[in-house]
PDB file of N, CA and C in Angstrom:
ATOM      1  N   MET A   1       0.832  -1.157   0.000  1.00  0.00           N
ATOM      2  CA  MET A   1       0.000   0.000   0.000  1.00  0.00           C
ATOM      3  C   MET A   1       0.889   1.237   0.000  1.00  0.00           C
ATOM      4  N   ALA A   2       0.587   2.182  -0.869  1.00  0.00           N
ATOM      5  CA  ALA A   2       1.423   3.374  -1.000  1.00  0.00           C
ATOM      6  C   ALA A   2       1.137   4.370   0.108  1.00  0.00           C
ATOM      7  N   LYS A   3       2.150   5.142   0.429  1.00  0.00           N
ATOM      8  CA  LYS A   3       1.985   6.176   1.443  1.00  0.00           C
ATOM      9  C   LYS A   3       1.216   7.348   0.856  1.00  0.00           C
ATOM     10  N   GLY A   4       0.416   7.992   1.690  1.00  0.00           N
ATOM     11  CA  GLY A   4      -0.319   9.169   1.242  1.00  0.00           C
ATOM     12  C   GLY A   4       0.600  10.375   1.169  1.00  0.00           C
ATOM     13  N   LYS A   5       0.235  11.334   0.343  1.00  0.00           N
ATOM     14  CA  LYS A   5       1.038  12.534   0.193  1.00  0.00           C
ATOM     15  C   LYS A   5       0.794  13.448   1.396  1.00  0.00           C
ATOM     16  N   SER A   6       1.842  13.913   2.044  1.00  0.00           N
ATOM     17  CA  SER A   6       1.714  14.776   3.201  1.00  0.00           C
ATOM     18  C   SER A   6       1.432  16.208   2.747  1.00  0.00           C
ATOM     19  N   THR A   7       0.374  16.797   3.305  1.00  0.00           N
ATOM     20  CA  THR A   7       0.042  18.179   2.955  1.00  0.00           C
ATOM     21  C   THR A   7       0.492  19.152   4.031  1.00  0.00           C
ATOM     22  N   GLY A   8       1.142  18.681   5.061  1.00  0.00           N
ATOM     23  CA  GLY A   8       1.586  19.558   6.130  1.00  0.00           C
ATOM     24  C   GLY A   8       0.485  19.773   7.149  1.00  0.00           C
ATOM     25  N   TYR A   9       0.397  20.961   7.674  1.00  0.00           N
ATOM     26  CA  TYR A   9      -0.577  21.282   8.711  1.00  0.00           C
ATOM     27  C   TYR A   9      -1.965  21.445   8.113  1.00  0.00           C
ATOM     28  N   LYS A  10      -2.964  20.866   8.782  1.00  0.00           N
ATOM     29  CA  LYS A  10      -4.346  21.028   8.344  1.00  0.00           C
ATOM     30  C   LYS A  10      -5.169  21.519   9.531  1.00  0.00           C
ATOM     31  N   SER A  11      -5.868  22.626   9.338  1.00  0.00           N
ATOM     32  CA  SER A  11      -6.672  23.218  10.400  1.00  0.00           C
ATOM     33  C   SER A  11      -7.839  22.312  10.757  1.00  0.00           C
ATOM     34  N   LYS A  12      -8.182  22.263  12.046  1.00  0.00           N
ATOM     35  CA  LYS A  12      -9.325  21.482  12.499  1.00  0.00           C
ATOM     36  C   LYS A  12     -10.616  22.289  12.400  1.00  0.00           C
ATOM     37  N   GLY A  13     -10.524  23.594  12.150  1.00  0.00           N
ATOM     38  CA  GLY A  13     -11.694  24.435  12.006  1.00  0.00           C
ATOM     39  C   GLY A  13     -12.437  24.661  13.311  1.00  0.00           C
ATOM     40  N   GLU A  14     -11.721  24.680  14.409  1.00  0.00           N
ATOM     41  CA  GLU A  14     -12.371  24.789  15.713  1.00  0.00           C
ATOM     42  C   GLU A  14     -12.769  26.222  16.071  1.00  0.00           C
ATOM     43  N   ARG A  15     -11.974  27.172  15.688  1.00  0.00           N
ATOM     44  CA  ARG A  15     -12.228  28.558  16.087  1.00  0.00           C
ATOM     45  C   ARG A  15     -12.354  29.442  14.859  1.00  0.00           C
ATOM     46  N   PRO A  16     -13.174  30.506  14.962  1.00  0.00           N
ATOM     47  CA  PRO A  16     -13.293  31.413  13.816  1.00  0.00           C
ATOM     48  C   PRO A  16     -12.007  32.219  13.628  1.00  0.00           C
ATOM     49  N   ASN A  17     -11.712  32.552  12.393  1.00  0.00           N
ATOM     50  CA  ASN A  17     -10.492  33.304  12.116  1.00  0.00           C
ATOM     51  C   ASN A  17     -10.800  34.767  11.795  1.00  0.00           C
ATOM     52  N   VAL A  18     -12.028  35.212  12.130  1.00  0.00           N
ATOM     53  CA  VAL A  18     -12.431  36.595  11.916  1.00  0.00           C
ATOM     54  C   VAL A  18     -12.838  37.170  13.265  1.00  0.00           C
ATOM     55  N   ALA A  19     -12.522  38.430  13.489  1.00  0.00           N
ATOM     56  CA  ALA A  19     -12.826  39.073  14.770  1.00  0.00           C
ATOM     57  C   ALA A  19     -14.325  39.069  15.045  1.00  0.00           C
ATOM     58  N   LYS A  20     -14.694  38.944  16.309  1.00  0.00           N
ATOM     59  CA  LYS A  20     -16.098  38.870  16.706  1.00  0.00           C
ATOM     60  C   LYS A  20     -16.848  40.142  16.330  1.00  0.00           C
ATOM     61  N   ALA A  21     -16.217  41.292  16.471  1.00  0.00           N
ATOM     62  CA  ALA A  21     -16.873  42.565  16.147  1.00  0.00           C
ATOM     63  C   ALA A  21     -17.216  42.642  14.667  1.00  0.00           C
ATOM     64  N   ILE A  22     -16.339  42.134  13.823  1.00  0.00           N
ATOM     65  CA  ILE A  22     -16.594  42.158  12.378  1.00  0.00           C
ATOM     66  C   ILE A  22     -17.748  41.230  12.035  1.00  0.00           C
ATOM     67  N   ARG A  23     -17.795  40.050  12.638  1.00  0.00           N
ATOM     68  CA  ARG A  23     -18.896  39.113  12.377  1.00  0.00           C
ATOM     69  C   ARG A  23     -20.233  39.706  12.821  1.00  0.00           C
ATOM     70  N   LYS A  24     -20.268  40.369  13.979  1.00  0.00           N
ATOM     71  CA  LYS A  24     -21.500  40.990  14.468  1.00  0.00           C
ATOM     72  C   LYS A  24     -21.964  42.108  13.535  1.00  0.00           C
ATOM     73  N   THR A  25     -21.014  42.913  13.059  1.00  0.00           N
ATOM     74  CA  THR A  25     -21.354  44.005  12.143  1.00  0.00           C
ATOM     75  C   THR A  25     -21.924  43.466  10.842  1.00  0.00           C
ATOM     76  N   MET A  26     -21.313  42.429  10.307  1.00  0.00           N
ATOM     77  CA  MET A  26     -21.797  41.845   9.053  1.00  0.00           C
ATOM     78  C   MET A  26     -23.194  41.263   9.232  1.00  0.00           C
ATOM     79  N   ARG A  27     -23.468  40.623  10.370  1.00  0.00           N
ATOM     80  CA  ARG A  27     -24.777  40.043  10.630  1.00  0.00           C
ATOM     81  C   ARG A  27     -25.833  41.144  10.747  1.00  0.00           C
ATOM     82  N   ARG A  28     -25.501  42.257  11.414  1.00  0.00           N
ATOM     83  CA  ARG A  28     -26.441  43.379  11.541  1.00  0.00           C
ATOM     84  C   ARG A  28     -26.742  44.008  10.185  1.00  0.00           C
ATOM     85  N   GLU A  29     -25.705  44.185   9.356  1.00  0.00           N
ATOM     86  CA  GLU A  29     -25.904  44.774   8.036  1.00  0.00           C
ATOM     87  C   GLU A  29     -26.784  43.886   7.162  1.00  0.00           C
ATOM     88  N   TYR A  30     -26.599  42.585   7.243  1.00  0.00           N
ATOM     89  CA  TYR A  30     -27.407  41.663   6.444  1.00  0.00           C
ATOM     90  C   TYR A  30     -28.860  41.685   6.897  1.00  0.00           C
ATOM     91  N   GLY A  31     -29.092  41.806   8.192  1.00  0.00           N
ATOM     92  CA  GLY A  31     -30.451  41.825   8.721  1.00  0.00           C
ATOM     93  C   GLY A  31     -31.247  43.034   8.286  1.00  0.00           C
ATOM     94  N   ASN A  32     -30.586  44.139   8.006  1.00  0.00           N
ATOM     95  CA  ASN A  32     -31.271  45.361   7.604  1.00  0.00           C
ATOM     96  C   ASN A  32     -31.184  45.602   6.100  1.00  0.00           C
ATOM     97  N   SER A  33     -30.700  44.644   5.346  1.00  0.00           N
ATOM     98  CA  SER A  33     -30.470  44.881   3.927  1.00  0.00           C
ATOM     99  C   SER A  33     -31.617  44.359   3.071  1.00  0.00           C
ATOM    100  N   SER A  34     -31.652  44.844   1.846  1.00  0.00           N
ATOM    101  CA  SER A  34     -32.638  44.352   0.886  1.00  0.00           C
ATOM    102  C   SER A  34     -32.229  42.986   0.352  1.00  0.00           C
ATOM    103  N   GLU A  35     -30.962  42.635   0.513  1.00  0.00           N
ATOM    104  CA  GLU A  35     -30.482  41.320   0.073  1.00  0.00           C
ATOM    105  C   GLU A  35     -31.199  40.203   0.837  1.00  0.00           C
ATOM    106  N   GLN A  36     -31.445  40.420   2.122  1.00  0.00           N
ATOM    107  CA  GLN A  36     -32.140  39.419   2.923  1.00  0.00           C
ATOM    108  C   GLN A  36     -33.568  39.225   2.417  1.00  0.00           C
ATOM    109  N   LEU A  37     -34.263  40.324   2.117  1.00  0.00           N
ATOM    110  CA  LEU A  37     -35.625  40.223   1.612  1.00  0.00           C
ATOM    111  C   LEU A  37     -35.659  39.512   0.267  1.00  0.00           C
ATOM    112  N   LEU A  38     -34.689  39.804  -0.581  1.00  0.00           N
ATOM    113  CA  LEU A  38     -34.615  39.149  -1.879  1.00  0.00           C
ATOM    114  C   LEU A  38     -34.379  37.652  -1.721  1.00  0.00           C
ATOM    115  N   ASN A  39     -33.501  37.278  -0.794  1.00  0.00           N
ATOM    116  CA  ASN A  39     -33.242  35.862  -0.545  1.00  0.00           C
ATOM    117  C   ASN A  39     -34.488  35.153  -0.005  1.00  0.00           C
ATOM    118  N   LYS A  40     -35.236  35.823   0.879  1.00  0.00           N
ATOM    119  CA  LYS A  40     -36.463  35.230   1.417  1.00  0.00           C
ATOM    120  C   LYS A  40     -37.505  35.052   0.326  1.00  0.00           C
ATOM    121  N   PHE A  41     -37.649  36.057  -0.535  1.00  0.00           N
ATOM    122  CA  PHE A  41     -38.634  35.962  -1.605  1.00  0.00           C
ATOM    123  C   PHE A  41     -38.261  34.868  -2.599  1.00  0.00           C
ATOM    124  N   THR A  42     -36.970  34.742  -2.917  1.00  0.00           N
ATOM    125  CA  THR A  42     -36.510  33.686  -3.819  1.00  0.00           C
ATOM    126  C   THR A  42     -36.799  32.312  -3.235  1.00  0.00           C
ATOM    127  N   ALA A  43     -36.543  32.133  -1.937  1.00  0.00           N
ATOM    128  CA  ALA A  43     -36.820  30.859  -1.277  1.00  0.00           C
ATOM    129  C   ALA A  43     -38.315  30.573  -1.269  1.00  0.00           C
ATOM    130  N   PHE A  44     -39.135  31.615  -1.071  1.00  0.00           N
ATOM    131  CA  PHE A  44     -40.579  31.442  -1.038  1.00  0.00           C
ATOM    132  C   PHE A  44     -41.105  31.004  -2.404  1.00  0.00           C
ATOM    133  N   THR A  45     -40.568  31.596  -3.473  1.00  0.00           N
ATOM    134  CA  THR A  45     -41.017  31.221  -4.817  1.00  0.00           C
ATOM    135  C   THR A  45     -40.612  29.794  -5.170  1.00  0.00           C
ATOM    136  N   LYS A  46     -39.568  29.286  -4.525  1.00  0.00           N
ATOM    137  CA  LYS A  46     -39.155  27.897  -4.742  1.00  0.00           C
ATOM    138  C   LYS A  46     -39.967  26.920  -3.903  1.00  0.00           C
ATOM    139  N   GLY A  47     -40.883  27.449  -3.075  1.00  0.00           N
ATOM    140  CA  GLY A  47     -41.751  26.586  -2.279  1.00  0.00           C
ATOM    141  C   GLY A  47     -41.199  26.228  -0.918  1.00  0.00           C
ATOM    142  N   LYS A  48     -40.196  26.945  -0.454  1.00  0.00           N
ATOM    143  CA  LYS A  48     -39.632  26.651   0.854  1.00  0.00           C
ATOM    144  C   LYS A  48     -40.403  27.390   1.942  1.00  0.00           C
ATOM    145  N   ARG A  49     -40.232  26.956   3.171  1.00  0.00           N
ATOM    146  CA  ARG A  49     -40.922  27.567   4.314  1.00  0.00           C
ATOM    147  C   ARG A  49     -40.088  28.742   4.804  1.00  0.00           C
ATOM    148  N   VAL A  50     -40.629  29.940   4.651  1.00  0.00           N
ATOM    149  CA  VAL A  50     -39.902  31.155   4.998  1.00  0.00           C
ATOM    150  C   VAL A  50     -40.608  31.824   6.172  1.00  0.00           C
ATOM    151  N   MET A  51     -39.842  32.274   7.146  1.00  0.00           N
ATOM    152  CA  MET A  51     -40.395  32.928   8.326  1.00  0.00           C
ATOM    153  C   MET A  51     -40.143  34.435   8.249  1.00  0.00           C
ATOM    154  N   ILE A  52     -41.139  35.214   8.734  1.00  0.00           N
ATOM    155  CA  ILE A  52     -41.023  36.664   8.802  1.00  0.00           C
ATOM    156  C   ILE A  52     -41.062  37.067  10.265  1.00  0.00           C
ATOM    157  N   THR A  53     -40.239  38.019  10.657  1.00  0.00           N
ATOM    158  CA  THR A  53     -40.235  38.521  12.026  1.00  0.00           C
ATOM    159  C   THR A  53     -40.988  39.838  12.059  1.00  0.00           C
ATOM    160  N   ILE A  54     -42.006  39.918  12.938  1.00  0.00           N
ATOM    161  CA  ILE A  54     -42.806  41.131  13.077  1.00  0.00           C
ATOM    162  C   ILE A  54     -42.869  41.516  14.548  1.00  0.00           C
ATOM    163  N   PRO A  55     -43.127  42.794  14.856  1.00  0.00           N
ATOM    164  CA  PRO A  55     -43.335  43.171  16.258  1.00  0.00           C
ATOM    165  C   PRO A  55     -44.611  42.521  16.795  1.00  0.00           C
ATOM    166  N   ASN A  56     -44.591  42.149  18.044  1.00  0.00           N
ATOM    167  CA  ASN A  56     -45.744  41.492  18.657  1.00  0.00           C
ATOM    168  C   ASN A  56     -46.901  42.482  18.764  1.00  0.00           C
ATOM    169  N   PRO A  57     -48.077  42.160  18.175  1.00  0.00           N
ATOM    170  CA  PRO A  57     -49.209  43.085  18.258  1.00  0.00           C
ATOM    171  C   PRO A  57     -49.756  43.233  19.679  1.00  0.00           C
ATOM    172  N   ASN A  58     -49.544  42.240  20.528  1.00  0.00           N
ATOM    173  CA  ASN A  58     -49.996  42.300  21.914  1.00  0.00           C
ATOM    174  C   ASN A  58     -48.913  42.976  22.759  1.00  0.00           C
ATOM    175  N   LYS A  59     -49.097  44.257  23.076  1.00  0.00           N
ATOM    176  CA  LYS A  59     -48.078  45.019  23.811  1.00  0.00           C
ATOM    177  C   LYS A  59     -47.978  44.593  25.272  1.00  0.00           C
ATOM    178  N   ASN A  60     -48.995  43.891  25.801  1.00  0.00           N
ATOM    179  CA  ASN A  60     -48.947  43.430  27.190  1.00  0.00           C
ATOM    180  C   ASN A  60     -48.052  42.210  27.348  1.00  0.00           C
ATOM    181  N   ASP A  61     -47.772  41.525  26.266  1.00  0.00           N
ATOM    182  CA  ASP A  61     -46.904  40.345  26.301  1.00  0.00           C
ATOM    183  C   ASP A  61     -45.453  40.811  26.203  1.00  0.00           C
ATOM    184  N   THR A  62     -44.872  41.165  27.355  1.00  0.00           N
ATOM    185  CA  THR A  62     -43.519  41.720  27.361  1.00  0.00           C
ATOM    186  C   THR A  62     -42.448  40.638  27.235  1.00  0.00           C
ATOM    187  N   LYS A  63     -42.837  39.390  27.350  1.00  0.00           N
ATOM    188  CA  LYS A  63     -41.856  38.308  27.236  1.00  0.00           C
ATOM    189  C   LYS A  63     -41.390  38.144  25.791  1.00  0.00           C
ATOM    190  N   ARG A  64     -42.306  38.382  24.840  1.00  0.00           N
ATOM    191  CA  ARG A  64     -41.971  38.223  23.425  1.00  0.00           C
ATOM    192  C   ARG A  64     -42.165  39.559  22.713  1.00  0.00           C
ATOM    193  N   ARG A  65     -41.086  40.265  22.438  1.00  0.00           N
ATOM    194  CA  ARG A  65     -41.194  41.555  21.758  1.00  0.00           C
ATOM    195  C   ARG A  65     -41.458  41.380  20.267  1.00  0.00           C
ATOM    196  N   PHE A  66     -40.943  40.281  19.702  1.00  0.00           N
ATOM    197  CA  PHE A  66     -41.120  40.013  18.280  1.00  0.00           C
ATOM    198  C   PHE A  66     -41.694  38.613  18.096  1.00  0.00           C
ATOM    199  N   MET A  67     -42.358  38.408  16.953  1.00  0.00           N
ATOM    200  CA  MET A  67     -42.930  37.105  16.635  1.00  0.00           C
ATOM    201  C   MET A  67     -42.403  36.659  15.276  1.00  0.00           C
ATOM    202  N   ARG A  68     -42.168  35.372  15.143  1.00  0.00           N
ATOM    203  CA  ARG A  68     -41.807  34.797  13.852  1.00  0.00           C
ATOM    204  C   ARG A  68     -43.013  34.045  13.325  1.00  0.00           C
ATOM    205  N   ILE A  69     -43.470  34.446  12.145  1.00  0.00           N
ATOM    206  CA  ILE A  69     -44.627  33.789  11.549  1.00  0.00           C
ATOM    207  C   ILE A  69     -44.262  33.318  10.154  1.00  0.00           C
ATOM    208  N   PRO A  70     -44.857  32.216   9.692  1.00  0.00           N
ATOM    209  CA  PRO A  70     -44.551  31.745   8.342  1.00  0.00           C
ATOM    210  C   PRO A  70     -45.148  32.673   7.285  1.00  0.00           C
ATOM    211  N   MET A  71     -44.401  32.899   6.216  1.00  0.00           N
ATOM    212  CA  MET A  71     -44.868  33.742   5.116  1.00  0.00           C
ATOM    213  C   MET A  71     -45.926  32.986   4.327  1.00  0.00           C
ATOM    214  N   THR A  72     -47.004  33.700   3.940  1.00  0.00           N
ATOM    215  CA  THR A  72     -48.054  33.105   3.128  1.00  0.00           C
ATOM    216  C   THR A  72     -48.285  33.958   1.888  1.00  0.00           C
ATOM    217  N   LYS A  73     -49.024  33.408   0.919  1.00  0.00           N
ATOM    218  CA  LYS A  73     -49.298  34.137  -0.316  1.00  0.00           C
ATOM    219  C   LYS A  73     -50.160  35.361  -0.061  1.00  0.00           C
ATOM    220  N   THR A  74     -51.076  35.294   0.915  1.00  0.00           N
ATOM    221  CA  THR A  74     -51.964  36.423   1.188  1.00  0.00           C
ATOM    222  C   THR A  74     -51.190  37.594   1.751  1.00  0.00           C
ATOM    223  N   GLN A  75     -50.124  37.348   2.508  1.00  0.00           N
ATOM    224  CA  GLN A  75     -49.317  38.437   3.051  1.00  0.00           C
ATOM    225  C   GLN A  75     -48.597  39.175   1.922  1.00  0.00           C
ATOM    226  N   ILE A  76     -48.135  38.462   0.930  1.00  0.00           N
ATOM    227  CA  ILE A  76     -47.424  39.086  -0.172  1.00  0.00           C
ATOM    228  C   ILE A  76     -48.383  39.960  -0.992  1.00  0.00           C
ATOM    229  N   LYS A  77     -49.599  39.479  -1.221  1.00  0.00           N
ATOM    230  CA  LYS A  77     -50.578  40.256  -1.979  1.00  0.00           C
ATOM    231  C   LYS A  77     -51.001  41.503  -1.228  1.00  0.00           C
ATOM    232  N   SER A  78     -51.157  41.425   0.094  1.00  0.00           N
ATOM    233  CA  SER A  78     -51.616  42.570   0.872  1.00  0.00           C
ATOM    234  C   SER A  78     -50.543  43.645   0.996  1.00  0.00           C
ATOM    235  N   GLU A  79     -49.254  43.262   0.968  1.00  0.00           N
ATOM    236  CA  GLU A  79     -48.175  44.238   1.081  1.00  0.00           C
ATOM    237  C   GLU A  79     -47.964  44.984  -0.218  1.00  0.00           C
ATOM    238  N   SER A  80     -48.349  44.422  -1.349  1.00  0.00           N
ATOM    239  CA  SER A  80     -48.116  45.052  -2.643  1.00  0.00           C
ATOM    240  C   SER A  80     -49.045  46.205  -2.887  1.00  0.00           C
TER     241      SER A  80
END
């Protein structure tokens, strides 16, 4: 049996190699971007289950400030 070719050091991928502040900033920018909405709409047109986050209409329910609800066809028609 032949020996395998040595590639030297191989990372185990245990820790991120990007600063935490940069990752948080990128996540915040994506959450407020139109790219996220476009990705959700594309997934919805492919028939996937897409969730929308909305403020909780019940202001007395202080435990849940936001609600995640599944996107439906009627919501898309009403927003247009």
